[in-house]
């Protein structure tokens, strides 16, 4: 799987901008999510530049939907949008699909799931053993703690196992919890995303690739 954490820089850049008009609640929610991720991951500057460019448009729109969700100057092709229906894995492995799904979760105030999932992806890539304990504790405080700002919906048994794993942190100590959240998104959030008017609008507005368009055109009479 090629999904990686791409979200952390967005909030840091946005907070440096000069004061402007009040933000829409969805904008504030997205900024809050990115602020939390920024505190967890400071080593992904290059990767986050790409996501910052994709999600930056959201913070500038007072009333945004996926139909106006643009990634740079391009939109996903019709073929790519339809490919997202094949599996949740294909949705997340698509740079456009990841953006669209994240925007959908933000609109439903449940972006803590995708935030936690990618926090775990980044944590697992930590090479320095001495950094594991501090990063593991930050993730636990963000998503599991009694006063966690982005508490995830996890069962007590998984929570207790994860807490016990923190006694001796390893790159795999969040694997069980991450799997639970992945399945939650795959079985609940993903089907709702595919049924959402926003996704249908995105498909309707998407254009087929040039190659596909040529094949779909009837042969001209000589």
C-alpha atoms as a PDB file:
ATOM      1  CA  UNK A   1       0.000   0.000   0.000  1.00  0.00           C
ATOM      2  CA  UNK A   2       1.309   3.388  -0.977  1.00  0.00           C
ATOM      3  CA  UNK A   3      -0.721   5.581   1.385  1.00  0.00           C
ATOM      4  CA  UNK A   4       1.458   7.920   3.521  1.00  0.00           C
ATOM      5  CA  UNK A   5       0.894  10.785   5.878  1.00  0.00           C
ATOM      6  CA  UNK A   6       0.558  14.025   3.881  1.00  0.00           C
ATOM      7  CA  UNK A   7      -1.392  16.335   6.197  1.00  0.00           C
ATOM      8  CA  UNK A   8       0.828  17.851   8.882  1.00  0.00           C
ATOM      9  CA  UNK A   9       2.157  21.012   7.211  1.00  0.00           C
ATOM     10  CA  UNK A  10      -1.236  22.464   6.266  1.00  0.00           C
ATOM     11  CA  UNK A  11      -2.093  23.853   9.657  1.00  0.00           C
ATOM     12  CA  UNK A  12       1.349  25.312  10.282  1.00  0.00           C
ATOM     13  CA  UNK A  13       1.238  27.315   7.063  1.00  0.00           C
ATOM     14  CA  UNK A  14      -2.356  28.421   7.580  1.00  0.00           C
ATOM     15  CA  UNK A  15      -1.655  29.803  11.042  1.00  0.00           C
ATOM     16  CA  UNK A  16       1.051  32.070   9.634  1.00  0.00           C
ATOM     17  CA  UNK A  17      -1.390  33.806   7.276  1.00  0.00           C
ATOM     18  CA  UNK A  18      -2.609  37.353   8.139  1.00  0.00           C
ATOM     19  CA  UNK A  19      -5.962  37.721   9.921  1.00  0.00           C
ATOM     20  CA  UNK A  20      -8.938  37.423   7.575  1.00  0.00           C
ATOM     21  CA  UNK A  21     -12.666  36.654   7.580  1.00  0.00           C
ATOM     22  CA  UNK A  22     -14.129  34.118   9.994  1.00  0.00           C
ATOM     23  CA  UNK A  23     -13.777  30.509   8.993  1.00  0.00           C
ATOM     24  CA  UNK A  24     -16.586  28.078   8.293  1.00  0.00           C
ATOM     25  CA  UNK A  25     -16.940  25.357  10.995  1.00  0.00           C
ATOM     26  CA  UNK A  26     -15.653  22.728   8.556  1.00  0.00           C
ATOM     27  CA  UNK A  27     -12.595  24.856   7.917  1.00  0.00           C
ATOM     28  CA  UNK A  28     -11.887  25.093  11.636  1.00  0.00           C
ATOM     29  CA  UNK A  29     -12.354  21.345  12.002  1.00  0.00           C
ATOM     30  CA  UNK A  30      -9.837  20.653   9.250  1.00  0.00           C
ATOM     31  CA  UNK A  31      -7.378  23.121  10.757  1.00  0.00           C
ATOM     32  CA  UNK A  32      -7.753  21.464  14.170  1.00  0.00           C
ATOM     33  CA  UNK A  33      -7.064  18.059  12.649  1.00  0.00           C
ATOM     34  CA  UNK A  34      -3.948  19.267  10.902  1.00  0.00           C
ATOM     35  CA  UNK A  35      -2.746  21.009  14.059  1.00  0.00           C
ATOM     36  CA  UNK A  36      -2.913  17.724  15.928  1.00  0.00           C
ATOM     37  CA  UNK A  37      -1.066  15.879  13.210  1.00  0.00           C
ATOM     38  CA  UNK A  38       1.548  18.611  13.007  1.00  0.00           C
ATOM     39  CA  UNK A  39       2.359  18.077  16.663  1.00  0.00           C
ATOM     40  CA  UNK A  40       2.910  14.383  15.999  1.00  0.00           C
ATOM     41  CA  UNK A  41       4.909  14.429  12.812  1.00  0.00           C
ATOM     42  CA  UNK A  42       7.683  16.895  12.076  1.00  0.00           C
ATOM     43  CA  UNK A  43       9.739  14.769   9.708  1.00  0.00           C
ATOM     44  CA  UNK A  44       7.355  14.690   6.719  1.00  0.00           C
ATOM     45  CA  UNK A  45       7.826  18.192   5.272  1.00  0.00           C
ATOM     46  CA  UNK A  46       8.294  17.099   1.688  1.00  0.00           C
ATOM     47  CA  UNK A  47       5.357  14.712   1.742  1.00  0.00           C
ATOM     48  CA  UNK A  48       3.027  17.222   3.355  1.00  0.00           C
ATOM     49  CA  UNK A  49       3.673  19.884   0.697  1.00  0.00           C
ATOM     50  CA  UNK A  50       1.683  17.822  -1.769  1.00  0.00           C
ATOM     51  CA  UNK A  51      -1.308  17.408   0.553  1.00  0.00           C
ATOM     52  CA  UNK A  52      -1.115  21.068   1.568  1.00  0.00           C
ATOM     53  CA  UNK A  53      -1.585  22.040  -2.057  1.00  0.00           C
ATOM     54  CA  UNK A  54      -4.542  19.685  -2.384  1.00  0.00           C
ATOM     55  CA  UNK A  55      -6.351  20.661   0.807  1.00  0.00           C
ATOM     56  CA  UNK A  56      -5.425  24.340   0.853  1.00  0.00           C
ATOM     57  CA  UNK A  57      -8.410  25.274  -1.305  1.00  0.00           C
ATOM     58  CA  UNK A  58     -10.806  24.072   1.386  1.00  0.00           C
ATOM     59  CA  UNK A  59      -9.655  26.692   3.905  1.00  0.00           C
ATOM     60  CA  UNK A  60     -10.365  29.448   1.383  1.00  0.00           C
ATOM     61  CA  UNK A  61     -13.990  28.432   0.687  1.00  0.00           C
ATOM     62  CA  UNK A  62     -16.718  29.459   3.179  1.00  0.00           C
ATOM     63  CA  UNK A  63     -19.109  26.828   1.802  1.00  0.00           C
ATOM     64  CA  UNK A  64     -17.337  23.893   0.225  1.00  0.00           C
ATOM     65  CA  UNK A  65     -18.473  20.518  -1.054  1.00  0.00           C
ATOM     66  CA  UNK A  66     -16.677  17.733  -2.862  1.00  0.00           C
ATOM     67  CA  UNK A  67     -18.148  19.039  -6.103  1.00  0.00           C
ATOM     68  CA  UNK A  68     -15.859  22.068  -5.774  1.00  0.00           C
ATOM     69  CA  UNK A  69     -12.987  20.082  -4.292  1.00  0.00           C
ATOM     70  CA  UNK A  70     -10.066  20.642  -6.631  1.00  0.00           C
ATOM     71  CA  UNK A  71      -6.592  19.216  -6.394  1.00  0.00           C
ATOM     72  CA  UNK A  72      -4.234  21.803  -7.791  1.00  0.00           C
ATOM     73  CA  UNK A  73      -5.458  22.686 -11.278  1.00  0.00           C
ATOM     74  CA  UNK A  74      -6.685  19.176 -12.017  1.00  0.00           C
ATOM     75  CA  UNK A  75      -9.510  16.877 -11.071  1.00  0.00           C
ATOM     76  CA  UNK A  76      -9.519  13.088 -11.059  1.00  0.00           C
ATOM     77  CA  UNK A  77     -10.580  11.434 -14.283  1.00  0.00           C
ATOM     78  CA  UNK A  78     -13.846   9.556 -14.552  1.00  0.00           C
ATOM     79  CA  UNK A  79     -11.927   6.276 -14.693  1.00  0.00           C
ATOM     80  CA  UNK A  80     -10.136   7.044 -11.432  1.00  0.00           C
ATOM     81  CA  UNK A  81     -13.344   8.096  -9.651  1.00  0.00           C
ATOM     82  CA  UNK A  82     -15.028   4.853 -10.695  1.00  0.00           C
ATOM     83  CA  UNK A  83     -11.951   2.875  -9.634  1.00  0.00           C
ATOM     84  CA  UNK A  84     -12.522   4.035  -6.045  1.00  0.00           C
ATOM     85  CA  UNK A  85     -15.646   1.862  -5.943  1.00  0.00           C
ATOM     86  CA  UNK A  86     -13.622  -1.298  -6.447  1.00  0.00           C
ATOM     87  CA  UNK A  87     -12.109  -1.338  -2.958  1.00  0.00           C
ATOM     88  CA  UNK A  88     -11.296   0.853   0.016  1.00  0.00           C
ATOM     89  CA  UNK A  89      -7.621   0.108  -0.574  1.00  0.00           C
ATOM     90  CA  UNK A  90      -7.791   1.597  -4.072  1.00  0.00           C
ATOM     91  CA  UNK A  91      -9.486   4.700  -2.714  1.00  0.00           C
ATOM     92  CA  UNK A  92      -6.725   5.324  -0.171  1.00  0.00           C
ATOM     93  CA  UNK A  93      -3.927   4.534  -2.602  1.00  0.00           C
ATOM     94  CA  UNK A  94      -5.202   7.225  -4.972  1.00  0.00           C
ATOM     95  CA  UNK A  95      -3.876  10.721  -4.224  1.00  0.00           C
ATOM     96  CA  UNK A  96      -7.197  12.180  -5.409  1.00  0.00           C
ATOM     97  CA  UNK A  97      -9.231   9.549  -3.586  1.00  0.00           C
ATOM     98  CA  UNK A  98      -7.436  10.195  -0.309  1.00  0.00           C
ATOM     99  CA  UNK A  99      -8.184  13.913  -0.584  1.00  0.00           C
ATOM    100  CA  UNK A 100     -11.834  13.343  -1.441  1.00  0.00           C
ATOM    101  CA  UNK A 101     -12.347  10.806   1.357  1.00  0.00           C
ATOM    102  CA  UNK A 102     -10.605  13.048   3.896  1.00  0.00           C
ATOM    103  CA  UNK A 103     -12.825  15.959   2.879  1.00  0.00           C
ATOM    104  CA  UNK A 104     -15.870  13.716   3.309  1.00  0.00           C
ATOM    105  CA  UNK A 105     -14.799  12.718   6.819  1.00  0.00           C
ATOM    106  CA  UNK A 106     -14.205  16.368   7.707  1.00  0.00           C
ATOM    107  CA  UNK A 107     -17.732  17.191   6.552  1.00  0.00           C
ATOM    108  CA  UNK A 108     -19.028  14.473   8.911  1.00  0.00           C
ATOM    109  CA  UNK A 109     -16.791  15.544  11.819  1.00  0.00           C
ATOM    110  CA  UNK A 110     -15.152  12.108  11.922  1.00  0.00           C
ATOM    111  CA  UNK A 111     -11.725  12.912  10.516  1.00  0.00           C
ATOM    112  CA  UNK A 112     -10.061  11.565  13.663  1.00  0.00           C
ATOM    113  CA  UNK A 113     -10.244   8.107  12.052  1.00  0.00           C
ATOM    114  CA  UNK A 114      -8.115   8.943   9.028  1.00  0.00           C
ATOM    115  CA  UNK A 115      -5.869  11.128  11.194  1.00  0.00           C
ATOM    116  CA  UNK A 116      -5.177   8.218  13.546  1.00  0.00           C
ATOM    117  CA  UNK A 117      -4.675   5.775  10.700  1.00  0.00           C
ATOM    118  CA  UNK A 118      -1.943   7.881   9.103  1.00  0.00           C
ATOM    119  CA  UNK A 119      -0.431   8.764  12.459  1.00  0.00           C
ATOM    120  CA  UNK A 120       0.123   5.026  12.889  1.00  0.00           C
ATOM    121  CA  UNK A 121       1.552   4.728   9.384  1.00  0.00           C
ATOM    122  CA  UNK A 122       4.077   7.438  10.183  1.00  0.00           C
ATOM    123  CA  UNK A 123       4.854   5.992  13.614  1.00  0.00           C
ATOM    124  CA  UNK A 124       5.619   2.583  12.126  1.00  0.00           C
ATOM    125  CA  UNK A 125       8.237   4.165   9.887  1.00  0.00           C
ATOM    126  CA  UNK A 126      10.134   5.626  12.846  1.00  0.00           C
ATOM    127  CA  UNK A 127      13.693   4.348  12.622  1.00  0.00           C
ATOM    128  CA  UNK A 128      15.143   5.746  15.822  1.00  0.00           C
ATOM    129  CA  UNK A 129      14.228   3.521  18.822  1.00  0.00           C
ATOM    130  CA  UNK A 130      14.698   6.402  21.256  1.00  0.00           C
ATOM    131  CA  UNK A 131      11.919   8.358  19.551  1.00  0.00           C
ATOM    132  CA  UNK A 132       9.363   5.572  19.716  1.00  0.00           C
ATOM    133  CA  UNK A 133       8.321   6.144  23.323  1.00  0.00           C
ATOM    134  CA  UNK A 134       7.704   9.885  22.956  1.00  0.00           C
ATOM    135  CA  UNK A 135       5.835   9.517  19.660  1.00  0.00           C
ATOM    136  CA  UNK A 136       3.773   6.604  20.996  1.00  0.00           C
ATOM    137  CA  UNK A 137       2.716   8.629  24.037  1.00  0.00           C
ATOM    138  CA  UNK A 138       1.713  11.595  21.884  1.00  0.00           C
ATOM    139  CA  UNK A 139      -0.445   9.383  19.683  1.00  0.00           C
ATOM    140  CA  UNK A 140      -2.062   7.794  22.719  1.00  0.00           C
ATOM    141  CA  UNK A 141      -2.785  11.194  24.270  1.00  0.00           C
ATOM    142  CA  UNK A 142      -4.261  12.502  21.030  1.00  0.00           C
ATOM    143  CA  UNK A 143      -6.563   9.567  20.281  1.00  0.00           C
ATOM    144  CA  UNK A 144      -6.942   7.359  23.380  1.00  0.00           C
ATOM    145  CA  UNK A 145      -6.541   9.517  26.497  1.00  0.00           C
ATOM    146  CA  UNK A 146      -9.414  10.429  28.790  1.00  0.00           C
ATOM    147  CA  UNK A 147      -9.211  14.009  27.534  1.00  0.00           C
ATOM    148  CA  UNK A 148      -8.094  13.169  24.007  1.00  0.00           C
ATOM    149  CA  UNK A 149      -8.959  16.011  21.591  1.00  0.00           C
ATOM    150  CA  UNK A 150      -9.579  13.504  18.790  1.00  0.00           C
ATOM    151  CA  UNK A 151     -10.748  10.411  20.630  1.00  0.00           C
ATOM    152  CA  UNK A 152     -11.360   7.464  18.327  1.00  0.00           C
ATOM    153  CA  UNK A 153     -14.214   4.998  18.713  1.00  0.00           C
ATOM    154  CA  UNK A 154     -12.382   1.916  19.938  1.00  0.00           C
ATOM    155  CA  UNK A 155     -13.429  -0.967  22.180  1.00  0.00           C
ATOM    156  CA  UNK A 156     -12.113  -1.203  25.745  1.00  0.00           C
ATOM    157  CA  UNK A 157     -10.129  -4.380  25.119  1.00  0.00           C
ATOM    158  CA  UNK A 158      -8.202  -2.834  22.224  1.00  0.00           C
ATOM    159  CA  UNK A 159      -7.647   0.318  24.250  1.00  0.00           C
ATOM    160  CA  UNK A 160      -6.235  -1.663  27.178  1.00  0.00           C
ATOM    161  CA  UNK A 161      -3.968  -3.739  24.930  1.00  0.00           C
ATOM    162  CA  UNK A 162      -2.653  -0.601  23.246  1.00  0.00           C
ATOM    163  CA  UNK A 163      -2.032   1.058  26.596  1.00  0.00           C
ATOM    164  CA  UNK A 164      -0.118  -1.993  27.793  1.00  0.00           C
ATOM    165  CA  UNK A 165       1.969  -1.945  24.611  1.00  0.00           C
ATOM    166  CA  UNK A 166       3.184   1.522  25.518  1.00  0.00           C
ATOM    167  CA  UNK A 167       5.139   0.062  28.429  1.00  0.00           C
ATOM    168  CA  UNK A 168       7.615  -1.266  25.883  1.00  0.00           C
ATOM    169  CA  UNK A 169       6.978   0.666  22.656  1.00  0.00           C
ATOM    170  CA  UNK A 170       7.662  -1.083  19.361  1.00  0.00           C
ATOM    171  CA  UNK A 171       6.803  -0.066  15.782  1.00  0.00           C
ATOM    172  CA  UNK A 172       3.816  -2.441  15.941  1.00  0.00           C
ATOM    173  CA  UNK A 173       2.274  -1.361  19.260  1.00  0.00           C
ATOM    174  CA  UNK A 174      -0.659   0.416  17.515  1.00  0.00           C
ATOM    175  CA  UNK A 175      -1.269  -2.278  14.903  1.00  0.00           C
ATOM    176  CA  UNK A 176      -4.390  -3.735  16.532  1.00  0.00           C
ATOM    177  CA  UNK A 177      -6.033  -0.348  17.060  1.00  0.00           C
ATOM    178  CA  UNK A 178      -5.097   0.775  13.564  1.00  0.00           C
ATOM    179  CA  UNK A 179      -6.664  -2.369  12.111  1.00  0.00           C
ATOM    180  CA  UNK A 180      -9.866  -1.738  14.075  1.00  0.00           C
ATOM    181  CA  UNK A 181     -10.103   1.820  12.736  1.00  0.00           C
ATOM    182  CA  UNK A 182      -9.272   0.705   9.213  1.00  0.00           C
ATOM    183  CA  UNK A 183     -12.122  -1.821   9.314  1.00  0.00           C
ATOM    184  CA  UNK A 184     -14.465   0.791  10.768  1.00  0.00           C
ATOM    185  CA  UNK A 185     -13.731   3.127   7.865  1.00  0.00           C
ATOM    186  CA  UNK A 186     -13.903   0.310   5.314  1.00  0.00           C
ATOM    187  CA  UNK A 187     -17.250  -1.037   6.540  1.00  0.00           C
ATOM    188  CA  UNK A 188     -18.953   2.211   7.604  1.00  0.00           C
ATOM    189  CA  UNK A 189     -17.360   5.426   6.289  1.00  0.00           C
ATOM    190  CA  UNK A 190     -16.328   4.083   2.887  1.00  0.00           C
ATOM    191  CA  UNK A 191     -19.810   2.840   1.840  1.00  0.00           C
ATOM    192  CA  UNK A 192     -21.363   6.116   3.010  1.00  0.00           C
ATOM    193  CA  UNK A 193     -18.784   8.043   1.000  1.00  0.00           C
ATOM    194  CA  UNK A 194     -19.728   6.096  -2.141  1.00  0.00           C
ATOM    195  CA  UNK A 195     -23.427   6.775  -1.508  1.00  0.00           C
ATOM    196  CA  UNK A 196     -22.921  10.457  -0.759  1.00  0.00           C
ATOM    197  CA  UNK A 197     -24.222  13.166  -3.103  1.00  0.00           C
ATOM    198  CA  UNK A 198     -20.746  14.683  -3.034  1.00  0.00           C
ATOM    199  CA  UNK A 199     -19.173  11.565  -4.568  1.00  0.00           C
ATOM    200  CA  UNK A 200     -21.944  11.294  -7.150  1.00  0.00           C
ATOM    201  CA  UNK A 201     -21.395  14.928  -8.084  1.00  0.00           C
ATOM    202  CA  UNK A 202     -17.673  14.316  -8.415  1.00  0.00           C
ATOM    203  CA  UNK A 203     -18.315  11.380 -10.761  1.00  0.00           C
ATOM    204  CA  UNK A 204     -20.801  13.386 -12.822  1.00  0.00           C
ATOM    205  CA  UNK A 205     -18.353  16.261 -13.223  1.00  0.00           C
ATOM    206  CA  UNK A 206     -15.334  14.066 -13.941  1.00  0.00           C
ATOM    207  CA  UNK A 207     -14.223  13.705 -17.529  1.00  0.00           C
ATOM    208  CA  UNK A 208     -12.867  10.548 -19.126  1.00  0.00           C
ATOM    209  CA  UNK A 209      -9.267  10.487 -20.196  1.00  0.00           C
ATOM    210  CA  UNK A 210      -8.482  11.584 -23.738  1.00  0.00           C
ATOM    211  CA  UNK A 211      -7.705   8.008 -24.715  1.00  0.00           C
ATOM    212  CA  UNK A 212     -11.023   6.773 -23.351  1.00  0.00           C
ATOM    213  CA  UNK A 213     -12.889   9.628 -25.018  1.00  0.00           C
ATOM    214  CA  UNK A 214     -11.451   8.691 -28.411  1.00  0.00           C
ATOM    215  CA  UNK A 215     -12.500   5.076 -27.970  1.00  0.00           C
ATOM    216  CA  UNK A 216     -16.006   6.116 -26.961  1.00  0.00           C
ATOM    217  CA  UNK A 217     -16.525   8.269 -30.066  1.00  0.00           C
ATOM    218  CA  UNK A 218     -18.317   6.544 -32.979  1.00  0.00           C
ATOM    219  CA  UNK A 219     -16.352   6.076 -36.168  1.00  0.00           C
ATOM    220  CA  UNK A 220     -16.821   8.861 -38.672  1.00  0.00           C
ATOM    221  CA  UNK A 221     -18.387   7.977 -42.012  1.00  0.00           C
ATOM    222  CA  UNK A 222     -16.087   8.305 -44.974  1.00  0.00           C
END
